Amino acid sequence: GCHDKAVLLYEYVGKRMVDLQHTEVPDAYRGRGIAKHLAKAALDFVVEEDLKAHLTCWYIQKYVKENPLPQYLEHLQP
């Protein structure tokens, strides 16, 4: 089932815009940095594909504040 998988929910909201909506890590795996890996992978994908990102997910917002890399910041929706 999906209760034993870490997920990052996203949705394309235009041709070049992705909404990073929610990260979820099962209780048994929390505290291991898995959400951080999901956030980094999603943002790296946005950069590699030259997309714009809207950050609905509070965790990804926090990740960007803690890792304000120029390549991430320039791909965020203003």
PDB file of N, CA and C in Angstrom:
ATOM      1  N   GLY A   1       0.824  -1.195   0.000  1.00  0.00           N
ATOM      2  CA  GLY A   1       0.000   0.000   0.000  1.00  0.00           C
ATOM      3  C   GLY A   1       0.859   1.246   0.000  1.00  0.00           C
ATOM      4  N   CYS A   2       0.220   2.386  -0.032  1.00  0.00           N
ATOM      5  CA  CYS A   2       0.975   3.635  -0.088  1.00  0.00           C
ATOM      6  C   CYS A   2       1.396   4.097   1.304  1.00  0.00           C
ATOM      7  N   HIS A   3       0.992   3.367   2.347  1.00  0.00           N
ATOM      8  CA  HIS A   3       1.356   3.786   3.698  1.00  0.00           C
ATOM      9  C   HIS A   3       2.799   3.430   4.058  1.00  0.00           C
ATOM     10  N   ASP A   4       3.467   2.647   3.223  1.00  0.00           N
ATOM     11  CA  ASP A   4       4.845   2.281   3.512  1.00  0.00           C
ATOM     12  C   ASP A   4       5.811   2.918   2.524  1.00  0.00           C
ATOM     13  N   LYS A   5       5.333   3.932   1.782  1.00  0.00           N
ATOM     14  CA  LYS A   5       6.178   4.594   0.793  1.00  0.00           C
ATOM     15  C   LYS A   5       6.259   6.079   1.081  1.00  0.00           C
ATOM     16  N   ALA A   6       7.446   6.634   0.898  1.00  0.00           N
ATOM     17  CA  ALA A   6       7.609   8.085   0.951  1.00  0.00           C
ATOM     18  C   ALA A   6       7.187   8.636  -0.401  1.00  0.00           C
ATOM     19  N   VAL A   7       6.443   9.740  -0.388  1.00  0.00           N
ATOM     20  CA  VAL A   7       5.954  10.307  -1.644  1.00  0.00           C
ATOM     21  C   VAL A   7       6.112  11.818  -1.663  1.00  0.00           C
ATOM     22  N   LEU A   8       6.192  12.337  -2.870  1.00  0.00           N
ATOM     23  CA  LEU A   8       6.122  13.772  -3.098  1.00  0.00           C
ATOM     24  C   LEU A   8       5.026  13.968  -4.146  1.00  0.00           C
ATOM     25  N   LEU A   9       3.971  14.632  -3.742  1.00  0.00           N
ATOM     26  CA  LEU A   9       2.866  14.884  -4.661  1.00  0.00           C
ATOM     27  C   LEU A   9       3.133  16.177  -5.413  1.00  0.00           C
ATOM     28  N   TYR A  10       2.887  16.145  -6.710  1.00  0.00           N
ATOM     29  CA  TYR A  10       3.094  17.327  -7.545  1.00  0.00           C
ATOM     30  C   TYR A  10       2.063  17.317  -8.660  1.00  0.00           C
ATOM     31  N   GLU A  11       1.894  18.467  -9.284  1.00  0.00           N
ATOM     32  CA  GLU A  11       0.966  18.569 -10.398  1.00  0.00           C
ATOM     33  C   GLU A  11       1.484  19.621 -11.364  1.00  0.00           C
ATOM     34  N   TYR A  12       1.446  19.289 -12.640  1.00  0.00           N
ATOM     35  CA  TYR A  12       1.761  20.301 -13.650  1.00  0.00           C
ATOM     36  C   TYR A  12       0.566  21.240 -13.750  1.00  0.00           C
ATOM     37  N   VAL A  13       0.827  22.538 -13.653  1.00  0.00           N
ATOM     38  CA  VAL A  13      -0.247  23.535 -13.689  1.00  0.00           C
ATOM     39  C   VAL A  13      -0.014  24.491 -14.854  1.00  0.00           C
ATOM     40  N   GLY A  14       0.485  23.960 -15.911  1.00  0.00           N
ATOM     41  CA  GLY A  14       0.815  24.712 -17.109  1.00  0.00           C
ATOM     42  C   GLY A  14       1.914  23.949 -17.824  1.00  0.00           C
ATOM     43  N   LYS A  15       2.299  24.446 -18.987  1.00  0.00           N
ATOM     44  CA  LYS A  15       3.329  23.726 -19.750  1.00  0.00           C
ATOM     45  C   LYS A  15       4.665  23.666 -19.035  1.00  0.00           C
ATOM     46  N   ARG A  16       5.052  24.759 -18.386  1.00  0.00           N
ATOM     47  CA  ARG A  16       6.390  24.833 -17.791  1.00  0.00           C
ATOM     48  C   ARG A  16       6.342  25.104 -16.290  1.00  0.00           C
ATOM     49  N   MET A  17       5.188  24.830 -15.648  1.00  0.00           N
ATOM     50  CA  MET A  17       5.023  25.122 -14.221  1.00  0.00           C
ATOM     51  C   MET A  17       4.585  23.856 -13.492  1.00  0.00           C
ATOM     52  N   VAL A  18       5.269  23.568 -12.399  1.00  0.00           N
ATOM     53  CA  VAL A  18       4.909  22.417 -11.577  1.00  0.00           C
ATOM     54  C   VAL A  18       4.648  22.916 -10.150  1.00  0.00           C
ATOM     55  N   ASP A  19       3.578  22.412  -9.573  1.00  0.00           N
ATOM     56  CA  ASP A  19       3.226  22.734  -8.193  1.00  0.00           C
ATOM     57  C   ASP A  19       3.695  21.577  -7.320  1.00  0.00           C
ATOM     58  N   LEU A  20       4.685  21.834  -6.472  1.00  0.00           N
ATOM     59  CA  LEU A  20       5.173  20.817  -5.541  1.00  0.00           C
ATOM     60  C   LEU A  20       4.281  20.907  -4.306  1.00  0.00           C
ATOM     61  N   GLN A  21       3.371  19.945  -4.164  1.00  0.00           N
ATOM     62  CA  GLN A  21       2.247  20.077  -3.252  1.00  0.00           C
ATOM     63  C   GLN A  21       2.451  19.506  -1.854  1.00  0.00           C
ATOM     64  N   HIS A  22       3.102  18.358  -1.744  1.00  0.00           N
ATOM     65  CA  HIS A  22       3.100  17.687  -0.437  1.00  0.00           C
ATOM     66  C   HIS A  22       4.169  16.600  -0.401  1.00  0.00           C
ATOM     67  N   THR A  23       4.883  16.530   0.710  1.00  0.00           N
ATOM     68  CA  THR A  23       5.770  15.394   0.948  1.00  0.00           C
ATOM     69  C   THR A  23       5.212  14.607   2.117  1.00  0.00           C
ATOM     70  N   GLU A  24       5.382  13.308   2.053  1.00  0.00           N
ATOM     71  CA  GLU A  24       4.914  12.459   3.146  1.00  0.00           C
ATOM     72  C   GLU A  24       5.864  11.286   3.305  1.00  0.00           C
ATOM     73  N   VAL A  25       6.278  11.064   4.546  1.00  0.00           N
ATOM     74  CA  VAL A  25       7.178   9.958   4.867  1.00  0.00           C
ATOM     75  C   VAL A  25       6.489   9.123   5.948  1.00  0.00           C
ATOM     76  N   PRO A  26       6.429   7.801   5.785  1.00  0.00           N
ATOM     77  CA  PRO A  26       5.799   6.960   6.805  1.00  0.00           C
ATOM     78  C   PRO A  26       6.454   7.159   8.167  1.00  0.00           C
ATOM     79  N   ASP A  27       5.648   7.053   9.214  1.00  0.00           N
ATOM     80  CA  ASP A  27       6.144   7.250  10.588  1.00  0.00           C
ATOM     81  C   ASP A  27       7.403   6.439  10.873  1.00  0.00           C
ATOM     82  N   ALA A  28       7.437   5.209  10.399  1.00  0.00           N
ATOM     83  CA  ALA A  28       8.570   4.320  10.690  1.00  0.00           C
ATOM     84  C   ALA A  28       9.881   4.822  10.096  1.00  0.00           C
ATOM     85  N   TYR A  29       9.803   5.718   9.094  1.00  0.00           N
ATOM     86  CA  TYR A  29      11.009   6.179   8.411  1.00  0.00           C
ATOM     87  C   TYR A  29      11.315   7.649   8.657  1.00  0.00           C
ATOM     88  N   ARG A  30      10.534   8.303   9.490  1.00  0.00           N
ATOM     89  CA  ARG A  30      10.759   9.727   9.735  1.00  0.00           C
ATOM     90  C   ARG A  30      12.050   9.943  10.506  1.00  0.00           C
ATOM     91  N   GLY A  31      12.628  11.130  10.302  1.00  0.00           N
ATOM     92  CA  GLY A  31      13.855  11.481  11.011  1.00  0.00           C
ATOM     93  C   GLY A  31      15.116  10.946  10.348  1.00  0.00           C
ATOM     94  N   ARG A  32      14.997  10.411   9.151  1.00  0.00           N
ATOM     95  CA  ARG A  32      16.159   9.846   8.449  1.00  0.00           C
ATOM     96  C   ARG A  32      16.589  10.685   7.245  1.00  0.00           C
ATOM     97  N   GLY A  33      15.962  11.846   7.074  1.00  0.00           N
ATOM     98  CA  GLY A  33      16.349  12.713   5.965  1.00  0.00           C
ATOM     99  C   GLY A  33      15.708  12.358   4.635  1.00  0.00           C
ATOM    100  N   ILE A  34      14.690  11.512   4.664  1.00  0.00           N
ATOM    101  CA  ILE A  34      14.065  11.083   3.412  1.00  0.00           C
ATOM    102  C   ILE A  34      13.330  12.238   2.746  1.00  0.00           C
ATOM    103  N   ALA A  35      12.599  13.034   3.509  1.00  0.00           N
ATOM    104  CA  ALA A  35      11.882  14.181   2.927  1.00  0.00           C
ATOM    105  C   ALA A  35      12.869  15.162   2.310  1.00  0.00           C
ATOM    106  N   LYS A  36      14.035  15.299   2.932  1.00  0.00           N
ATOM    107  CA  LYS A  36      15.076  16.181   2.384  1.00  0.00           C
ATOM    108  C   LYS A  36      15.532  15.682   1.014  1.00  0.00           C
ATOM    109  N   HIS A  37      15.683  14.371   0.874  1.00  0.00           N
ATOM    110  CA  HIS A  37      16.059  13.794  -0.420  1.00  0.00           C
ATOM    111  C   HIS A  37      14.966  14.018  -1.465  1.00  0.00           C
ATOM    112  N   LEU A  38      13.706  13.870  -1.049  1.00  0.00           N
ATOM    113  CA  LEU A  38      12.594  14.115  -1.972  1.00  0.00           C
ATOM    114  C   LEU A  38      12.592  15.571  -2.436  1.00  0.00           C
ATOM    115  N   ALA A  39      12.780  16.496  -1.496  1.00  0.00           N
ATOM    116  CA  ALA A  39      12.775  17.928  -1.830  1.00  0.00           C
ATOM    117  C   ALA A  39      13.918  18.253  -2.786  1.00  0.00           C
ATOM    118  N   LYS A  40      15.114  17.757  -2.490  1.00  0.00           N
ATOM    119  CA  LYS A  40      16.269  18.034  -3.349  1.00  0.00           C
ATOM    120  C   LYS A  40      16.052  17.446  -4.746  1.00  0.00           C
ATOM    121  N   ALA A  41      15.562  16.224  -4.819  1.00  0.00           N
ATOM    122  CA  ALA A  41      15.336  15.586  -6.116  1.00  0.00           C
ATOM    123  C   ALA A  41      14.310  16.370  -6.934  1.00  0.00           C
ATOM    124  N   ALA A  42      13.246  16.827  -6.287  1.00  0.00           N
ATOM    125  CA  ALA A  42      12.216  17.591  -6.995  1.00  0.00           C
ATOM    126  C   ALA A  42      12.774  18.910  -7.511  1.00  0.00           C
ATOM    127  N   LEU A  43      13.514  19.607  -6.692  1.00  0.00           N
ATOM    128  CA  LEU A  43      14.074  20.897  -7.108  1.00  0.00           C
ATOM    129  C   LEU A  43      15.147  20.712  -8.181  1.00  0.00           C
ATOM    130  N   ASP A  44      15.954  19.682  -8.060  1.00  0.00           N
ATOM    131  CA  ASP A  44      16.945  19.396  -9.098  1.00  0.00           C
ATOM    132  C   ASP A  44      16.265  19.096 -10.432  1.00  0.00           C
ATOM    133  N   PHE A  45      15.141  18.370 -10.374  1.00  0.00           N
ATOM    134  CA  PHE A  45      14.382  18.080 -11.589  1.00  0.00           C
ATOM    135  C   PHE A  45      13.851  19.366 -12.219  1.00  0.00           C
ATOM    136  N   VAL A  46      13.318  20.256 -11.394  1.00  0.00           N
ATOM    137  CA  VAL A  46      12.805  21.545 -11.884  1.00  0.00           C
ATOM    138  C   VAL A  46      13.915  22.306 -12.608  1.00  0.00           C
ATOM    139  N   VAL A  47      15.106  22.321 -12.017  1.00  0.00           N
ATOM    140  CA  VAL A  47      16.246  23.017 -12.622  1.00  0.00           C
ATOM    141  C   VAL A  47      16.652  22.334 -13.932  1.00  0.00           C
ATOM    142  N   GLU A  48      16.814  21.014 -13.902  1.00  0.00           N
ATOM    143  CA  GLU A  48      17.266  20.274 -15.090  1.00  0.00           C
ATOM    144  C   GLU A  48      16.295  20.414 -16.259  1.00  0.00           C
ATOM    145  N   GLU A  49      14.997  20.459 -15.958  1.00  0.00           N
ATOM    146  CA  GLU A  49      13.983  20.552 -17.010  1.00  0.00           C
ATOM    147  C   GLU A  49      13.623  22.000 -17.344  1.00  0.00           C
ATOM    148  N   ASP A  50      14.283  22.948 -16.680  1.00  0.00           N
ATOM    149  CA  ASP A  50      14.047  24.373 -16.875  1.00  0.00           C
ATOM    150  C   ASP A  50      12.567  24.724 -16.705  1.00  0.00           C
ATOM    151  N   LEU A  51      11.999  24.256 -15.590  1.00  0.00           N
ATOM    152  CA  LEU A  51      10.610  24.533 -15.246  1.00  0.00           C
ATOM    153  C   LEU A  51      10.551  25.653 -14.219  1.00  0.00           C
ATOM    154  N   LYS A  52       9.353  26.141 -13.950  1.00  0.00           N
ATOM    155  CA  LYS A  52       9.095  27.022 -12.811  1.00  0.00           C
ATOM    156  C   LYS A  52       8.372  26.180 -11.776  1.00  0.00           C
ATOM    157  N   ALA A  53       8.612  26.483 -10.509  1.00  0.00           N
ATOM    158  CA  ALA A  53       7.983  25.712  -9.437  1.00  0.00           C
ATOM    159  C   ALA A  53       7.185  26.624  -8.523  1.00  0.00           C
ATOM    160  N   HIS A  54       5.998  26.158  -8.183  1.00  0.00           N
ATOM    161  CA  HIS A  54       5.193  26.777  -7.140  1.00  0.00           C
ATOM    162  C   HIS A  54       5.293  25.833  -5.952  1.00  0.00           C
ATOM    163  N   LEU A  55       5.633  26.371  -4.785  1.00  0.00           N
ATOM    164  CA  LEU A  55       5.856  25.523  -3.618  1.00  0.00           C
ATOM    165  C   LEU A  55       4.666  25.588  -2.667  1.00  0.00           C
ATOM    166  N   THR A  56       3.735  24.683  -2.829  1.00  0.00           N
ATOM    167  CA  THR A  56       2.614  24.575  -1.899  1.00  0.00           C
ATOM    168  C   THR A  56       3.058  23.848  -0.632  1.00  0.00           C
ATOM    169  N   CYS A  57       3.963  22.908  -0.770  1.00  0.00           N
ATOM    170  CA  CYS A  57       4.431  22.079   0.354  1.00  0.00           C
ATOM    171  C   CYS A  57       5.281  22.897   1.329  1.00  0.00           C
ATOM    172  N   TRP A  58       4.857  22.917   2.590  1.00  0.00           N
ATOM    173  CA  TRP A  58       5.604  23.691   3.593  1.00  0.00           C
ATOM    174  C   TRP A  58       7.015  23.143   3.771  1.00  0.00           C
ATOM    175  N   TYR A  59       7.177  21.831   3.649  1.00  0.00           N
ATOM    176  CA  TYR A  59       8.506  21.266   3.863  1.00  0.00           C
ATOM    177  C   TYR A  59       9.469  21.707   2.767  1.00  0.00           C
ATOM    178  N   ILE A  60       9.015  21.739   1.528  1.00  0.00           N
ATOM    179  CA  ILE A  60       9.897  22.172   0.440  1.00  0.00           C
ATOM    180  C   ILE A  60      10.186  23.667   0.575  1.00  0.00           C
ATOM    181  N   GLN A  61       9.224  24.444   1.044  1.00  0.00           N
ATOM    182  CA  GLN A  61       9.481  25.862   1.327  1.00  0.00           C
ATOM    183  C   GLN A  61      10.602  25.991   2.360  1.00  0.00           C
ATOM    184  N   LYS A  62      10.527  25.183   3.409  1.00  0.00           N
ATOM    185  CA  LYS A  62      11.557  25.178   4.459  1.00  0.00           C
ATOM    186  C   LYS A  62      12.908  24.750   3.879  1.00  0.00           C
ATOM    187  N   TYR A  63      12.904  23.733   3.028  1.00  0.00           N
ATOM    188  CA  TYR A  63      14.143  23.246   2.425  1.00  0.00           C
ATOM    189  C   TYR A  63      14.822  24.357   1.621  1.00  0.00           C
ATOM    190  N   VAL A  64      14.045  25.101   0.841  1.00  0.00           N
ATOM    191  CA  VAL A  64      14.617  26.187   0.035  1.00  0.00           C
ATOM    192  C   VAL A  64      15.171  27.288   0.936  1.00  0.00           C
ATOM    193  N   LYS A  65      14.487  27.583   2.041  1.00  0.00           N
ATOM    194  CA  LYS A  65      15.004  28.602   2.984  1.00  0.00           C
ATOM    195  C   LYS A  65      16.331  28.162   3.579  1.00  0.00           C
ATOM    196  N   GLU A  66      16.464  26.873   3.844  1.00  0.00           N
ATOM    197  CA  GLU A  66      17.699  26.342   4.429  1.00  0.00           C
ATOM    198  C   GLU A  66      18.786  26.112   3.372  1.00  0.00           C
ATOM    199  N   ASN A  67      18.391  26.016   2.106  1.00  0.00           N
ATOM    200  CA  ASN A  67      19.318  25.762   0.997  1.00  0.00           C
ATOM    201  C   ASN A  67      19.002  26.729  -0.149  1.00  0.00           C
ATOM    202  N   PRO A  68      19.240  28.018   0.066  1.00  0.00           N
ATOM    203  CA  PRO A  68      18.833  29.019  -0.940  1.00  0.00           C
ATOM    204  C   PRO A  68      19.793  29.089  -2.135  1.00  0.00           C
ATOM    205  N   LEU A  69      19.930  27.970  -2.824  1.00  0.00           N
ATOM    206  CA  LEU A  69      20.834  27.913  -3.963  1.00  0.00           C
ATOM    207  C   LEU A  69      20.270  28.741  -5.112  1.00  0.00           C
ATOM    208  N   PRO A  70      21.130  29.518  -5.784  1.00  0.00           N
ATOM    209  CA  PRO A  70      20.651  30.378  -6.876  1.00  0.00           C
ATOM    210  C   PRO A  70      19.872  29.615  -7.940  1.00  0.00           C
ATOM    211  N   GLN A  71      20.318  28.399  -8.272  1.00  0.00           N
ATOM    212  CA  GLN A  71      19.614  27.649  -9.311  1.00  0.00           C
ATOM    213  C   GLN A  71      18.199  27.277  -8.866  1.00  0.00           C
ATOM    214  N   TYR A  72      17.976  27.112  -7.564  1.00  0.00           N
ATOM    215  CA  TYR A  72      16.619  26.858  -7.077  1.00  0.00           C
ATOM    216  C   TYR A  72      15.794  28.131  -7.105  1.00  0.00           C
ATOM    217  N   LEU A  73      16.363  29.200  -6.561  1.00  0.00           N
ATOM    218  CA  LEU A  73      15.637  30.455  -6.427  1.00  0.00           C
ATOM    219  C   LEU A  73      15.180  31.010  -7.773  1.00  0.00           C
ATOM    220  N   GLU A  74      16.003  30.869  -8.795  1.00  0.00           N
ATOM    221  CA  GLU A  74      15.623  31.429 -10.102  1.00  0.00           C
ATOM    222  C   GLU A  74      14.524  30.630 -10.786  1.00  0.00           C
ATOM    223  N   HIS A  75      14.214  29.437 -10.267  1.00  0.00           N
ATOM    224  CA  HIS A  75      13.156  28.624 -10.855  1.00  0.00           C
ATOM    225  C   HIS A  75      11.862  28.646 -10.040  1.00  0.00           C
ATOM    226  N   LEU A  76      11.821  29.460  -9.001  1.00  0.00           N
ATOM    227  CA  LEU A  76      10.602  29.554  -8.209  1.00  0.00           C
ATOM    228  C   LEU A  76       9.654  30.577  -8.808  1.00  0.00           C
ATOM    229  N   GLN A  77       8.384  30.284  -8.711  1.00  0.00           N
ATOM    230  CA  GLN A  77       7.382  31.230  -9.161  1.00  0.00           C
ATOM    231  C   GLN A  77       7.429  32.431  -8.221  1.00  0.00           C
ATOM    232  N   PRO A  78       7.513  33.648  -8.784  1.00  0.00           N
ATOM    233  CA  PRO A  78       7.583  34.840  -7.913  1.00  0.00           C
ATOM    234  C   PRO A  78       6.336  35.016  -7.081  1.00  0.00           C
TER     235      PRO A  78
END
